């Protein structure tokens, strides 16, 4: 049964979730054109539902971030090691994706590093980090939040792909044909 104790502490899931704050700081301190590329422009045409999904994704992510403060890691347990493995994979994916994101010139399509095996490595990393935190704390609520985040990010990825196709045209179509959406062997 997935249950957890709720209490504020040093050895809580916020340690896992803090990688998001570090990543945001790295992007924030990169040059302005890189920061601008980190989001689909607000004037890009989106349906009302897509806009709501974006808001829900951000809200649920912030909820998970805040909730992680109260979730003690089950240090030394099998659940901790499984969660830590999932988190580590997600954190490494986020690190490599962020590095590729920053070193690619702002006006070019990112196709290097983990972007050569996944079109949305940051979205996948976000899900894995949150899921790892949920497993390492045996928090059913955190696992559910992770799944909701992934569903929202799936829809966000569709908006992002439409936007990238508008900007990069055939180059993005060729990229989509060559690289899977999430993670796996090239098509």
Foldseek 3Di string as FASTA:
>chain_A
DQDFFFAADDQWLLVLVCLVVVLVVVQVPADPLLVVLVDDDPPQDDDPVLVVLVVVLVVLLVVLNVRRRGFHFPPPDPLQVVLVVLSVVLSVLLVQVSVQSRVPPSLDDRCDDCNVAAVCSNLVSSLSSQCSSCSRRSPPVSNVSSVSNSVSVVSVVVSVLVSCCVRVPPVSVVSPQFYPHGGDHTD
